[in-house]
Amino acid sequence: MLEFKAALLCLDFQVEAQMLTINELANIRVPSILLIPTPEKHYAALERRFSHYVLLWPLADEKIQIINYPREPKDLSATHLVRHLRNIGIKKIPVLLCGKQGQSLGEMLYL
């Protein structure tokens, strides 16, 4: 994630790296890169733990868009995403919040 953060800073984003609970994901107000880990109940059977990056883009009316290339973007409610992550056993997720220069953490999240 450090490489992403460095690249985003070069593109003049205000970047905040945070470890958010899945409930806090619904509070994101700026585009964000999430590192989704393999759920604990699944990785025990794997040789190693995998993670996957997705882009979360906030939309109006508590909706978000998940951009997970090469798949098509998917719009869903933030509540649906939180419920899904909770159901598969994920509790916390590393996130890069990508705001405008000078934007505070409080402006990037509903705190």
Protein backbone atom coordinates (compact mmCIF):
# COMPACT_ATOMS: atom_id res chain seq x y z
CA MET A 1 0.00 0.00 0.00
CA LEU A 2 2.97 2.31 0.45
CA GLU A 3 3.54 2.31 -3.30
CA PHE A 4 -0.09 3.32 -3.89
CA LYS A 5 0.19 6.06 -1.27
CA ALA A 6 3.39 7.45 -2.86
CA ALA A 7 1.80 7.45 -6.32
CA LEU A 8 -1.36 9.16 -5.05
CA LEU A 9 0.68 11.84 -3.28
CA CYS A 10 2.49 12.52 -6.57
CA LEU A 11 -0.91 13.04 -8.18
CA ASP A 12 -1.73 15.71 -5.53
CA PHE A 13 -4.21 13.68 -3.50
CA GLN A 14 -4.44 14.17 0.24
CA VAL A 15 -3.92 10.56 1.36
CA GLU A 16 -4.81 9.16 4.76
CA ALA A 17 -3.90 5.54 5.52
CA GLN A 18 -6.33 4.06 8.05
CA MET A 19 -7.28 0.70 9.50
CA LEU A 20 -11.07 0.86 9.51
CA THR A 21 -13.62 -1.46 10.99
CA ILE A 22 -16.12 -2.71 8.46
CA ASN A 23 -18.79 -0.51 10.08
CA GLU A 24 -16.62 2.56 9.43
CA LEU A 25 -16.52 1.75 5.70
CA ALA A 26 -20.03 3.14 5.40
CA ASN A 27 -18.63 6.52 6.55
CA ILE A 28 -16.17 6.98 3.68
CA ARG A 29 -16.82 10.21 1.76
CA VAL A 30 -13.91 10.12 -0.74
CA PRO A 31 -12.58 7.60 -3.27
CA SER A 32 -10.59 4.96 -1.41
CA ILE A 33 -8.40 1.96 -2.06
CA LEU A 34 -9.25 -1.03 0.13
CA LEU A 35 -7.06 -4.03 0.75
CA ILE A 36 -9.53 -6.89 1.21
CA PRO A 37 -7.89 -9.82 3.01
CA THR A 38 -8.86 -13.44 2.54
CA PRO A 39 -11.38 -14.19 5.31
CA GLU A 40 -9.84 -16.10 8.22
CA LYS A 41 -12.29 -18.96 7.82
CA HIS A 42 -10.93 -19.54 4.27
CA TYR A 43 -7.20 -18.90 4.45
CA ALA A 44 -6.46 -21.73 6.87
CA ALA A 45 -7.03 -24.14 3.97
CA LEU A 46 -4.75 -22.17 1.62
CA GLU A 47 -0.97 -22.36 1.44
CA ARG A 48 -0.75 -18.63 2.05
CA ARG A 49 -3.06 -15.75 2.71
CA PHE A 50 -4.11 -13.67 -0.30
CA SER A 51 -5.34 -10.09 -0.40
CA HIS A 52 -7.13 -8.15 -3.08
CA TYR A 53 -7.30 -4.41 -3.85
CA VAL A 54 -10.54 -2.70 -4.84
CA LEU A 55 -11.52 0.92 -5.32
CA LEU A 56 -14.50 2.19 -3.37
CA TRP A 57 -16.16 5.27 -4.85
CA PRO A 58 -18.88 6.98 -2.77
CA LEU A 59 -22.06 7.88 -4.63
CA ALA A 60 -25.21 9.71 -3.51
CA ASP A 61 -27.85 8.32 -1.14
CA GLU A 62 -25.52 6.04 0.88
CA LYS A 63 -24.57 4.09 -2.23
CA ILE A 64 -21.05 3.16 -3.24
CA GLN A 65 -19.43 1.88 -6.38
CA ILE A 66 -16.92 -0.94 -6.20
CA ILE A 67 -14.35 -0.88 -8.99
CA ASN A 68 -12.63 -4.23 -9.25
CA TYR A 69 -10.91 -4.44 -12.62
CA PRO A 70 -11.37 -6.33 -14.94
CA ARG A 71 -14.95 -6.74 -13.70
CA GLU A 72 -17.54 -4.09 -14.45
CA PRO A 73 -18.08 -1.47 -11.70
CA LYS A 74 -20.85 -2.43 -9.30
CA ASP A 75 -23.15 -0.03 -7.43
CA LEU A 76 -24.53 -1.14 -4.08
CA SER A 77 -25.51 0.22 -0.72
CA ALA A 78 -22.80 0.71 1.88
CA THR A 79 -24.95 -1.37 4.23
CA HIS A 80 -24.83 -4.29 1.79
CA LEU A 81 -21.02 -4.13 1.61
CA VAL A 82 -20.72 -4.02 5.41
CA ARG A 83 -23.10 -6.97 5.80
CA HIS A 84 -21.20 -9.01 3.20
CA LEU A 85 -17.81 -8.38 4.82
CA ARG A 86 -19.21 -9.21 8.25
CA ASN A 87 -20.71 -12.46 6.91
CA ILE A 88 -17.37 -13.63 5.51
CA GLY A 89 -15.55 -12.86 8.76
CA ILE A 90 -13.68 -9.64 7.99
CA LYS A 91 -13.53 -7.17 10.88
CA LYS A 92 -10.95 -4.54 9.87
CA ILE A 93 -9.61 -3.37 6.52
CA PRO A 94 -6.60 -1.22 5.58
CA VAL A 95 -7.78 1.76 3.54
CA LEU A 96 -6.16 4.62 1.65
CA LEU A 97 -8.56 7.58 1.70
CA CYS A 98 -7.93 9.79 -1.36
CA GLY A 99 -9.15 13.32 -0.76
CA LYS A 100 -8.38 16.75 -2.12
CA GLN A 101 -5.24 18.59 -1.00
CA GLY A 102 -5.83 20.11 2.43
CA GLN A 103 -8.85 17.92 3.18
CA SER A 104 -8.87 16.67 6.77
CA LEU A 105 -9.55 13.13 7.92
CA GLY A 106 -12.87 14.33 9.34
CA GLU A 107 -13.86 15.60 5.91
CA MET A 108 -12.96 12.25 4.35
CA LEU A 109 -14.98 10.25 6.89
CA TYR A 110 -18.19 10.92 8.75
CA LEU A 111 -16.70 10.99 12.24
